[in-house]
Amino acid sequence: MQPVQAFLNRLRWDPAFAGGGFALAYLDRRAKAPVVVPFGAITFDAGASRMIGLVDGAGEERKIPMHRIRRIYKDGVVIWEHQGDSGEGPKA
């Protein structure tokens, strides 16, 4: 089982692994539903290692705790999933 932080770090720093179209789904507390965003749309703040940043559809900058990330996709296929979502555990 690979934690989401380790998986995201590998995407950020390992060019051999990071080829392809990556996206992630996080649980939006306002919409009470998962929201999918391309990996290139998120930012990382060295001072907040357990958060990601993004600009939402309304143009608002938001900070999302990593524990709300539910899935990571590569070219539209789920390659990592939050352990509590499927009963199968992470796929990576």
PDB file of N, CA and C in Angstrom:
ATOM      1  N   MET A   1       0.847  -1.174   0.000  1.00  0.00           N
ATOM      2  CA  MET A   1       0.000   0.000   0.000  1.00  0.00           C
ATOM      3  C   MET A   1       0.893   1.238   0.000  1.00  0.00           C
ATOM      4  N   GLN A   2       0.625   2.140  -0.923  1.00  0.00           N
ATOM      5  CA  GLN A   2       1.418   3.358  -1.025  1.00  0.00           C
ATOM      6  C   GLN A   2       0.556   4.547  -0.602  1.00  0.00           C
ATOM      7  N   PRO A   3       0.980   5.324   0.387  1.00  0.00           N
ATOM      8  CA  PRO A   3       0.194   6.482   0.803  1.00  0.00           C
ATOM      9  C   PRO A   3       0.101   7.511  -0.320  1.00  0.00           C
ATOM     10  N   VAL A   4      -0.955   8.317  -0.297  1.00  0.00           N
ATOM     11  CA  VAL A   4      -1.168   9.297  -1.357  1.00  0.00           C
ATOM     12  C   VAL A   4      -0.007  10.284  -1.443  1.00  0.00           C
ATOM     13  N   GLN A   5       0.581  10.682  -0.325  1.00  0.00           N
ATOM     14  CA  GLN A   5       1.698  11.622  -0.367  1.00  0.00           C
ATOM     15  C   GLN A   5       2.885  11.038  -1.120  1.00  0.00           C
ATOM     16  N   ALA A   6       3.212   9.787  -0.865  1.00  0.00           N
ATOM     17  CA  ALA A   6       4.317   9.145  -1.566  1.00  0.00           C
ATOM     18  C   ALA A   6       4.013   9.036  -3.057  1.00  0.00           C
ATOM     19  N   PHE A   7       2.781   8.714  -3.386  1.00  0.00           N
ATOM     20  CA  PHE A   7       2.383   8.590  -4.787  1.00  0.00           C
ATOM     21  C   PHE A   7       2.494   9.938  -5.501  1.00  0.00           C
ATOM     22  N   LEU A   8       1.993  11.000  -4.871  1.00  0.00           N
ATOM     23  CA  LEU A   8       2.076  12.333  -5.474  1.00  0.00           C
ATOM     24  C   LEU A   8       3.523  12.796  -5.603  1.00  0.00           C
ATOM     25  N   ASN A   9       4.361  12.495  -4.618  1.00  0.00           N
ATOM     26  CA  ASN A   9       5.780  12.853  -4.720  1.00  0.00           C
ATOM     27  C   ASN A   9       6.439  12.144  -5.888  1.00  0.00           C
ATOM     28  N   ARG A  10       6.081  10.898  -6.101  1.00  0.00           N
ATOM     29  CA  ARG A  10       6.647  10.169  -7.236  1.00  0.00           C
ATOM     30  C   ARG A  10       6.210  10.824  -8.552  1.00  0.00           C
ATOM     31  N   LEU A  11       4.964  11.251  -8.632  1.00  0.00           N
ATOM     32  CA  LEU A  11       4.496  11.950  -9.831  1.00  0.00           C
ATOM     33  C   LEU A  11       5.261  13.258 -10.043  1.00  0.00           C
ATOM     34  N   ARG A  12       5.534  13.957  -8.961  1.00  0.00           N
ATOM     35  CA  ARG A  12       6.229  15.246  -9.055  1.00  0.00           C
ATOM     36  C   ARG A  12       7.695  15.102  -9.449  1.00  0.00           C
ATOM     37  N   TRP A  13       8.364  14.086  -8.937  1.00  0.00           N
ATOM     38  CA  TRP A  13       9.816  14.050  -9.037  1.00  0.00           C
ATOM     39  C   TRP A  13      10.387  12.929  -9.893  1.00  0.00           C
ATOM     40  N   ASP A  14       9.602  11.991 -10.351  1.00  0.00           N
ATOM     41  CA  ASP A  14      10.115  10.868 -11.139  1.00  0.00           C
ATOM     42  C   ASP A  14       9.615  10.989 -12.584  1.00  0.00           C
ATOM     43  N   PRO A  15      10.424  11.594 -13.479  1.00  0.00           N
ATOM     44  CA  PRO A  15       9.960  11.812 -14.848  1.00  0.00           C
ATOM     45  C   PRO A  15       9.653  10.511 -15.599  1.00  0.00           C
ATOM     46  N   ALA A  16      10.316   9.426 -15.263  1.00  0.00           N
ATOM     47  CA  ALA A  16      10.048   8.150 -15.931  1.00  0.00           C
ATOM     48  C   ALA A  16       8.651   7.639 -15.579  1.00  0.00           C
ATOM     49  N   PHE A  17       8.188   7.909 -14.375  1.00  0.00           N
ATOM     50  CA  PHE A  17       6.872   7.461 -13.930  1.00  0.00           C
ATOM     51  C   PHE A  17       5.772   8.420 -14.380  1.00  0.00           C
ATOM     52  N   ALA A  18       6.091   9.695 -14.452  1.00  0.00           N
ATOM     53  CA  ALA A  18       5.077  10.737 -14.618  1.00  0.00           C
ATOM     54  C   ALA A  18       4.579  10.932 -16.039  1.00  0.00           C
ATOM     55  N   GLY A  19       5.030  10.148 -17.005  1.00  0.00           N
ATOM     56  CA  GLY A  19       4.535  10.300 -18.365  1.00  0.00           C
ATOM     57  C   GLY A  19       3.073   9.893 -18.463  1.00  0.00           C
ATOM     58  N   GLY A  20       2.290  10.660 -19.161  1.00  0.00           N
ATOM     59  CA  GLY A  20       0.871  10.338 -19.322  1.00  0.00           C
ATOM     60  C   GLY A  20      -0.001  11.438 -18.764  1.00  0.00           C
ATOM     61  N   GLY A  21      -1.291  11.266 -18.931  1.00  0.00           N
ATOM     62  CA  GLY A  21      -2.250  12.245 -18.450  1.00  0.00           C
ATOM     63  C   GLY A  21      -2.779  11.858 -17.086  1.00  0.00           C
ATOM     64  N   PHE A  22      -2.314  12.525 -16.052  1.00  0.00           N
ATOM     65  CA  PHE A  22      -2.730  12.222 -14.687  1.00  0.00           C
ATOM     66  C   PHE A  22      -3.801  13.206 -14.226  1.00  0.00           C
ATOM     67  N   ALA A  23      -4.701  12.713 -13.403  1.00  0.00           N
ATOM     68  CA  ALA A  23      -5.728  13.536 -12.768  1.00  0.00           C
ATOM     69  C   ALA A  23      -6.003  12.929 -11.403  1.00  0.00           C
ATOM     70  N   LEU A  24      -6.603  13.725 -10.535  1.00  0.00           N
ATOM     71  CA  LEU A  24      -6.989  13.176  -9.240  1.00  0.00           C
ATOM     72  C   LEU A  24      -8.394  13.623  -8.903  1.00  0.00           C
ATOM     73  N   ALA A  25      -9.049  12.811  -8.093  1.00  0.00           N
ATOM     74  CA  ALA A  25     -10.397  13.128  -7.608  1.00  0.00           C
ATOM     75  C   ALA A  25     -10.302  13.362  -6.112  1.00  0.00           C
ATOM     76  N   TYR A  26     -10.841  14.476  -5.661  1.00  0.00           N
ATOM     77  CA  TYR A  26     -10.877  14.763  -4.233  1.00  0.00           C
ATOM     78  C   TYR A  26     -12.327  14.952  -3.814  1.00  0.00           C
ATOM     79  N   LEU A  27     -12.592  14.722  -2.554  1.00  0.00           N
ATOM     80  CA  LEU A  27     -13.939  14.889  -2.019  1.00  0.00           C
ATOM     81  C   LEU A  27     -14.172  16.368  -1.739  1.00  0.00           C
ATOM     82  N   ASP A  28     -15.103  16.971  -2.465  1.00  0.00           N
ATOM     83  CA  ASP A  28     -15.463  18.369  -2.270  1.00  0.00           C
ATOM     84  C   ASP A  28     -16.540  18.431  -1.188  1.00  0.00           C
ATOM     85  N   ARG A  29     -16.222  19.073  -0.087  1.00  0.00           N
ATOM     86  CA  ARG A  29     -17.165  19.116   1.033  1.00  0.00           C
ATOM     87  C   ARG A  29     -18.379  19.985   0.726  1.00  0.00           C
ATOM     88  N   ARG A  30     -18.222  20.973  -0.143  1.00  0.00           N
ATOM     89  CA  ARG A  30     -19.372  21.811  -0.511  1.00  0.00           C
ATOM     90  C   ARG A  30     -20.357  21.017  -1.367  1.00  0.00           C
ATOM     91  N   ALA A  31     -19.830  20.338  -2.388  1.00  0.00           N
ATOM     92  CA  ALA A  31     -20.685  19.582  -3.312  1.00  0.00           C
ATOM     93  C   ALA A  31     -21.033  18.203  -2.768  1.00  0.00           C
ATOM     94  N   LYS A  32     -20.300  17.769  -1.751  1.00  0.00           N
ATOM     95  CA  LYS A  32     -20.478  16.426  -1.172  1.00  0.00           C
ATOM     96  C   LYS A  32     -20.339  15.340  -2.235  1.00  0.00           C
ATOM     97  N   ALA A  33     -19.382  15.568  -3.133  1.00  0.00           N
ATOM     98  CA  ALA A  33     -19.128  14.631  -4.230  1.00  0.00           C
ATOM     99  C   ALA A  33     -17.673  14.763  -4.659  1.00  0.00           C
ATOM    100  N   PRO A  34     -17.126  13.721  -5.303  1.00  0.00           N
ATOM    101  CA  PRO A  34     -15.758  13.821  -5.812  1.00  0.00           C
ATOM    102  C   PRO A  34     -15.674  14.800  -6.990  1.00  0.00           C
ATOM    103  N   VAL A  35     -14.570  15.538  -7.056  1.00  0.00           N
ATOM    104  CA  VAL A  35     -14.286  16.456  -8.149  1.00  0.00           C
ATOM    105  C   VAL A  35     -12.965  16.017  -8.763  1.00  0.00           C
ATOM    106  N   VAL A  36     -12.927  15.874 -10.087  1.00  0.00           N
ATOM    107  CA  VAL A  36     -11.709  15.445 -10.783  1.00  0.00           C
ATOM    108  C   VAL A  36     -11.003  16.671 -11.345  1.00  0.00           C
ATOM    109  N   VAL A  37      -9.686  16.760 -11.089  1.00  0.00           N
ATOM    110  CA  VAL A  37      -8.874  17.858 -11.618  1.00  0.00           C
ATOM    111  C   VAL A  37      -7.608  17.280 -12.239  1.00  0.00           C
ATOM    112  N   PRO A  38      -7.110  17.893 -13.322  1.00  0.00           N
ATOM    113  CA  PRO A  38      -5.856  17.422 -13.898  1.00  0.00           C
ATOM    114  C   PRO A  38      -4.692  17.676 -12.939  1.00  0.00           C
ATOM    115  N   PHE A  39      -3.714  16.777 -12.960  1.00  0.00           N
ATOM    116  CA  PHE A  39      -2.572  16.897 -12.056  1.00  0.00           C
ATOM    117  C   PHE A  39      -1.859  18.235 -12.250  1.00  0.00           C
ATOM    118  N   GLY A  40      -1.792  18.721 -13.479  1.00  0.00           N
ATOM    119  CA  GLY A  40      -1.116  19.989 -13.759  1.00  0.00           C
ATOM    120  C   GLY A  40      -1.795  21.194 -13.136  1.00  0.00           C
ATOM    121  N   ALA A  41      -3.040  21.056 -12.688  1.00  0.00           N
ATOM    122  CA  ALA A  41      -3.780  22.171 -12.094  1.00  0.00           C
ATOM    123  C   ALA A  41      -3.551  22.299 -10.594  1.00  0.00           C
ATOM    124  N   ILE A  42      -2.865  21.323  -9.990  1.00  0.00           N
ATOM    125  CA  ILE A  42      -2.654  21.402  -8.544  1.00  0.00           C
ATOM    126  C   ILE A  42      -1.264  21.954  -8.239  1.00  0.00           C
ATOM    127  N   THR A  43      -1.141  22.540  -7.061  1.00  0.00           N
ATOM    128  CA  THR A  43       0.135  23.088  -6.607  1.00  0.00           C
ATOM    129  C   THR A  43       0.471  22.498  -5.247  1.00  0.00           C
ATOM    130  N   PHE A  44       1.743  22.592  -4.912  1.00  0.00           N
ATOM    131  CA  PHE A  44       2.241  22.083  -3.636  1.00  0.00           C
ATOM    132  C   PHE A  44       2.952  23.212  -2.915  1.00  0.00           C
ATOM    133  N   ASP A  45       2.698  23.343  -1.621  1.00  0.00           N
ATOM    134  CA  ASP A  45       3.312  24.360  -0.783  1.00  0.00           C
ATOM    135  C   ASP A  45       4.236  23.656   0.198  1.00  0.00           C
ATOM    136  N   ALA A  46       5.515  23.995   0.155  1.00  0.00           N
ATOM    137  CA  ALA A  46       6.491  23.334   1.030  1.00  0.00           C
ATOM    138  C   ALA A  46       6.139  23.501   2.507  1.00  0.00           C
ATOM    139  N   GLY A  47       5.452  24.566   2.867  1.00  0.00           N
ATOM    140  CA  GLY A  47       5.092  24.795   4.257  1.00  0.00           C
ATOM    141  C   GLY A  47       3.855  24.040   4.707  1.00  0.00           C
ATOM    142  N   ALA A  48       3.140  23.460   3.753  1.00  0.00           N
ATOM    143  CA  ALA A  48       1.908  22.721   4.074  1.00  0.00           C
ATOM    144  C   ALA A  48       1.970  21.367   3.369  1.00  0.00           C
ATOM    145  N   SER A  49       2.785  20.478   3.901  1.00  0.00           N
ATOM    146  CA  SER A  49       3.082  19.228   3.205  1.00  0.00           C
ATOM    147  C   SER A  49       1.894  18.284   3.076  1.00  0.00           C
ATOM    148  N   ARG A  50       0.850  18.483   3.840  1.00  0.00           N
ATOM    149  CA  ARG A  50      -0.318  17.599   3.753  1.00  0.00           C
ATOM    150  C   ARG A  50      -1.495  18.248   3.029  1.00  0.00           C
ATOM    151  N   MET A  51      -1.189  19.288   2.228  1.00  0.00           N
ATOM    152  CA  MET A  51      -2.228  20.011   1.491  1.00  0.00           C
ATOM    153  C   MET A  51      -1.816  20.134   0.025  1.00  0.00           C
ATOM    154  N   ILE A  52      -2.829  20.227  -0.838  1.00  0.00           N
ATOM    155  CA  ILE A  52      -2.591  20.607  -2.225  1.00  0.00           C
ATOM    156  C   ILE A  52      -3.367  21.885  -2.472  1.00  0.00           C
ATOM    157  N   GLY A  53      -2.952  22.646  -3.450  1.00  0.00           N
ATOM    158  CA  GLY A  53      -3.669  23.857  -3.827  1.00  0.00           C
ATOM    159  C   GLY A  53      -4.231  23.690  -5.224  1.00  0.00           C
ATOM    160  N   LEU A  54      -5.306  24.404  -5.500  1.00  0.00           N
ATOM    161  CA  LEU A  54      -5.877  24.419  -6.841  1.00  0.00           C
ATOM    162  C   LEU A  54      -6.771  25.629  -6.982  1.00  0.00           C
ATOM    163  N   VAL A  55      -7.067  25.978  -8.232  1.00  0.00           N
ATOM    164  CA  VAL A  55      -8.028  27.034  -8.514  1.00  0.00           C
ATOM    165  C   VAL A  55      -9.269  26.331  -9.026  1.00  0.00           C
ATOM    166  N   ASP A  56     -10.401  26.547  -8.338  1.00  0.00           N
ATOM    167  CA  ASP A  56     -11.633  25.842  -8.711  1.00  0.00           C
ATOM    168  C   ASP A  56     -12.300  26.496  -9.921  1.00  0.00           C
ATOM    169  N   GLY A  57     -13.412  25.942 -10.343  1.00  0.00           N
ATOM    170  CA  GLY A  57     -14.123  26.426 -11.522  1.00  0.00           C
ATOM    171  C   GLY A  57     -14.605  27.862 -11.408  1.00  0.00           C
ATOM    172  N   ALA A  58     -14.790  28.356 -10.188  1.00  0.00           N
ATOM    173  CA  ALA A  58     -15.224  29.733  -9.958  1.00  0.00           C
ATOM    174  C   ALA A  58     -14.036  30.689  -9.870  1.00  0.00           C
ATOM    175  N   GLY A  59     -12.813  30.175 -10.051  1.00  0.00           N
ATOM    176  CA  GLY A  59     -11.626  31.009  -9.984  1.00  0.00           C
ATOM    177  C   GLY A  59     -11.097  31.232  -8.582  1.00  0.00           C
ATOM    178  N   GLU A  60     -11.659  30.527  -7.595  1.00  0.00           N
ATOM    179  CA  GLU A  60     -11.198  30.659  -6.211  1.00  0.00           C
ATOM    180  C   GLU A  60     -10.022  29.722  -5.952  1.00  0.00           C
ATOM    181  N   GLU A  61      -8.993  30.250  -5.283  1.00  0.00           N
ATOM    182  CA  GLU A  61      -7.886  29.390  -4.873  1.00  0.00           C
ATOM    183  C   GLU A  61      -8.325  28.620  -3.638  1.00  0.00           C
ATOM    184  N   ARG A  62      -8.101  27.313  -3.664  1.00  0.00           N
ATOM    185  CA  ARG A  62      -8.533  26.460  -2.554  1.00  0.00           C
ATOM    186  C   ARG A  62      -7.374  25.601  -2.093  1.00  0.00           C
ATOM    187  N   LYS A  63      -7.388  25.265  -0.814  1.00  0.00           N
ATOM    188  CA  LYS A  63      -6.441  24.319  -0.231  1.00  0.00           C
ATOM    189  C   LYS A  63      -7.231  23.068   0.137  1.00  0.00           C
ATOM    190  N   ILE A  64      -6.736  21.917  -0.313  1.00  0.00           N
ATOM    191  CA  ILE A  64      -7.418  20.653  -0.086  1.00  0.00           C
ATOM    192  C   ILE A  64      -6.497  19.744   0.718  1.00  0.00           C
ATOM    193  N   PRO A  65      -6.939  19.222   1.867  1.00  0.00           N
ATOM    194  CA  PRO A  65      -6.114  18.267   2.618  1.00  0.00           C
ATOM    195  C   PRO A  65      -5.952  16.975   1.806  1.00  0.00           C
ATOM    196  N   MET A  66      -4.765  16.414   1.832  1.00  0.00           N
ATOM    197  CA  MET A  66      -4.497  15.202   1.055  1.00  0.00           C
ATOM    198  C   MET A  66      -5.380  14.028   1.461  1.00  0.00           C
ATOM    199  N   HIS A  67      -5.882  14.022   2.698  1.00  0.00           N
ATOM    200  CA  HIS A  67      -6.728  12.900   3.105  1.00  0.00           C
ATOM    201  C   HIS A  67      -8.073  12.900   2.376  1.00  0.00           C
ATOM    202  N   ARG A  68      -8.402  14.002   1.681  1.00  0.00           N
ATOM    203  CA  ARG A  68      -9.647  14.036   0.916  1.00  0.00           C
ATOM    204  C   ARG A  68      -9.456  13.574  -0.529  1.00  0.00           C
ATOM    205  N   ILE A  69      -8.224  13.253  -0.921  1.00  0.00           N
ATOM    206  CA  ILE A  69      -7.991  12.701  -2.260  1.00  0.00           C
ATOM    207  C   ILE A  69      -8.523  11.271  -2.271  1.00  0.00           C
ATOM    208  N   ARG A  70      -9.375  10.960  -3.227  1.00  0.00           N
ATOM    209  CA  ARG A  70     -10.022   9.659  -3.293  1.00  0.00           C
ATOM    210  C   ARG A  70      -9.465   8.747  -4.376  1.00  0.00           C
ATOM    211  N   ARG A  71      -9.064   9.316  -5.516  1.00  0.00           N
ATOM    212  CA  ARG A  71      -8.545   8.497  -6.615  1.00  0.00           C
ATOM    213  C   ARG A  71      -7.498   9.273  -7.392  1.00  0.00           C
ATOM    214  N   ILE A  72      -6.581   8.509  -8.012  1.00  0.00           N
ATOM    215  CA  ILE A  72      -5.644   9.081  -8.968  1.00  0.00           C
ATOM    216  C   ILE A  72      -5.811   8.292 -10.257  1.00  0.00           C
ATOM    217  N   TYR A  73      -5.888   9.029 -11.357  1.00  0.00           N
ATOM    218  CA  TYR A  73      -6.094   8.434 -12.675  1.00  0.00           C
ATOM    219  C   TYR A  73      -4.875   8.657 -13.556  1.00  0.00           C
ATOM    220  N   LYS A  74      -4.576   7.692 -14.404  1.00  0.00           N
ATOM    221  CA  LYS A  74      -3.585   7.859 -15.465  1.00  0.00           C
ATOM    222  C   LYS A  74      -4.285   7.507 -16.765  1.00  0.00           C
ATOM    223  N   ASP A  75      -4.348   8.474 -17.662  1.00  0.00           N
ATOM    224  CA  ASP A  75      -5.022   8.296 -18.941  1.00  0.00           C
ATOM    225  C   ASP A  75      -6.439   7.753 -18.756  1.00  0.00           C
ATOM    226  N   GLY A  76      -7.150   8.247 -17.734  1.00  0.00           N
ATOM    227  CA  GLY A  76      -8.539   7.884 -17.493  1.00  0.00           C
ATOM    228  C   GLY A  76      -8.773   6.604 -16.715  1.00  0.00           C
ATOM    229  N   VAL A  77      -7.701   5.906 -16.334  1.00  0.00           N
ATOM    230  CA  VAL A  77      -7.815   4.643 -15.606  1.00  0.00           C
ATOM    231  C   VAL A  77      -7.390   4.869 -14.149  1.00  0.00           C
ATOM    232  N   VAL A  78      -8.183   4.365 -13.204  1.00  0.00           N
ATOM    233  CA  VAL A  78      -7.843   4.499 -11.782  1.00  0.00           C
ATOM    234  C   VAL A  78      -6.598   3.667 -11.490  1.00  0.00           C
ATOM    235  N   ILE A  79      -5.548   4.339 -10.969  1.00  0.00           N
ATOM    236  CA  ILE A  79      -4.319   3.620 -10.609  1.00  0.00           C
ATOM    237  C   ILE A  79      -4.050   3.663  -9.110  1.00  0.00           C
ATOM    238  N   TRP A  80      -4.783   4.506  -8.404  1.00  0.00           N
ATOM    239  CA  TRP A  80      -4.698   4.558  -6.941  1.00  0.00           C
ATOM    240  C   TRP A  80      -6.081   4.934  -6.435  1.00  0.00           C
ATOM    241  N   GLU A  81      -6.489   4.297  -5.351  1.00  0.00           N
ATOM    242  CA  GLU A  81      -7.789   4.598  -4.770  1.00  0.00           C
ATOM    243  C   GLU A  81      -7.677   4.590  -3.260  1.00  0.00           C
ATOM    244  N   HIS A  82      -8.351   5.532  -2.625  1.00  0.00           N
ATOM    245  CA  HIS A  82      -8.378   5.609  -1.164  1.00  0.00           C
ATOM    246  C   HIS A  82      -8.867   4.275  -0.613  1.00  0.00           C
ATOM    247  N   GLN A  83      -8.190   3.750   0.355  1.00  0.00           N
ATOM    248  CA  GLN A  83      -8.463   2.414   0.868  1.00  0.00           C
ATOM    249  C   GLN A  83      -9.901   2.230   1.310  1.00  0.00           C
ATOM    250  N   GLY A  84     -10.518   3.215   1.894  1.00  0.00           N
ATOM    251  CA  GLY A  84     -11.874   3.076   2.401  1.00  0.00           C
ATOM    252  C   GLY A  84     -12.958   3.141   1.338  1.00  0.00           C
ATOM    253  N   ASP A  85     -12.623   3.437   0.069  1.00  0.00           N
ATOM    254  CA  ASP A  85     -13.642   3.644  -0.947  1.00  0.00           C
ATOM    255  C   ASP A  85     -14.119   2.374  -1.631  1.00  0.00           C
ATOM    256  N   SER A  86     -13.282   1.360  -1.769  1.00  0.00           N
ATOM    257  CA  SER A  86     -13.698   0.206  -2.569  1.00  0.00           C
ATOM    258  C   SER A  86     -13.629  -1.116  -1.829  1.00  0.00           C
ATOM    259  N   GLY A  87     -12.933  -1.150  -0.720  1.00  0.00           N
ATOM    260  CA  GLY A  87     -12.737  -2.410  -0.045  1.00  0.00           C
ATOM    261  C   GLY A  87     -11.560  -3.199  -0.597  1.00  0.00           C
ATOM    262  N   GLU A  88     -11.044  -2.791  -1.753  1.00  0.00           N
ATOM    263  CA  GLU A  88      -9.916  -3.490  -2.375  1.00  0.00           C
ATOM    264  C   GLU A  88      -8.581  -2.903  -1.943  1.00  0.00           C
ATOM    265  N   GLY A  89      -8.575  -1.679  -1.436  1.00  0.00           N
ATOM    266  CA  GLY A  89      -7.332  -1.042  -1.076  1.00  0.00           C
ATOM    267  C   GLY A  89      -6.713  -0.308  -2.254  1.00  0.00           C
ATOM    268  N   PRO A  90      -5.577   0.367  -2.038  1.00  0.00           N
ATOM    269  CA  PRO A  90      -4.913   1.091  -3.114  1.00  0.00           C
ATOM    270  C   PRO A  90      -4.507   0.167  -4.250  1.00  0.00           C
ATOM    271  N   LYS A  91      -4.513   0.724  -5.443  1.00  0.00           N
ATOM    272  CA  LYS A  91      -4.154  -0.042  -6.626  1.00  0.00           C
ATOM    273  C   LYS A  91      -2.704   0.158  -7.019  1.00  0.00           C
ATOM    274  N   ALA A  92      -1.975   0.984  -6.302  1.00  0.00           N
ATOM    275  CA  ALA A  92      -0.571   1.202  -6.646  1.00  0.00           C
ATOM    276  C   ALA A  92       0.301   0.962  -5.447  1.00  0.00           C
TER     277      ALA A  92
END
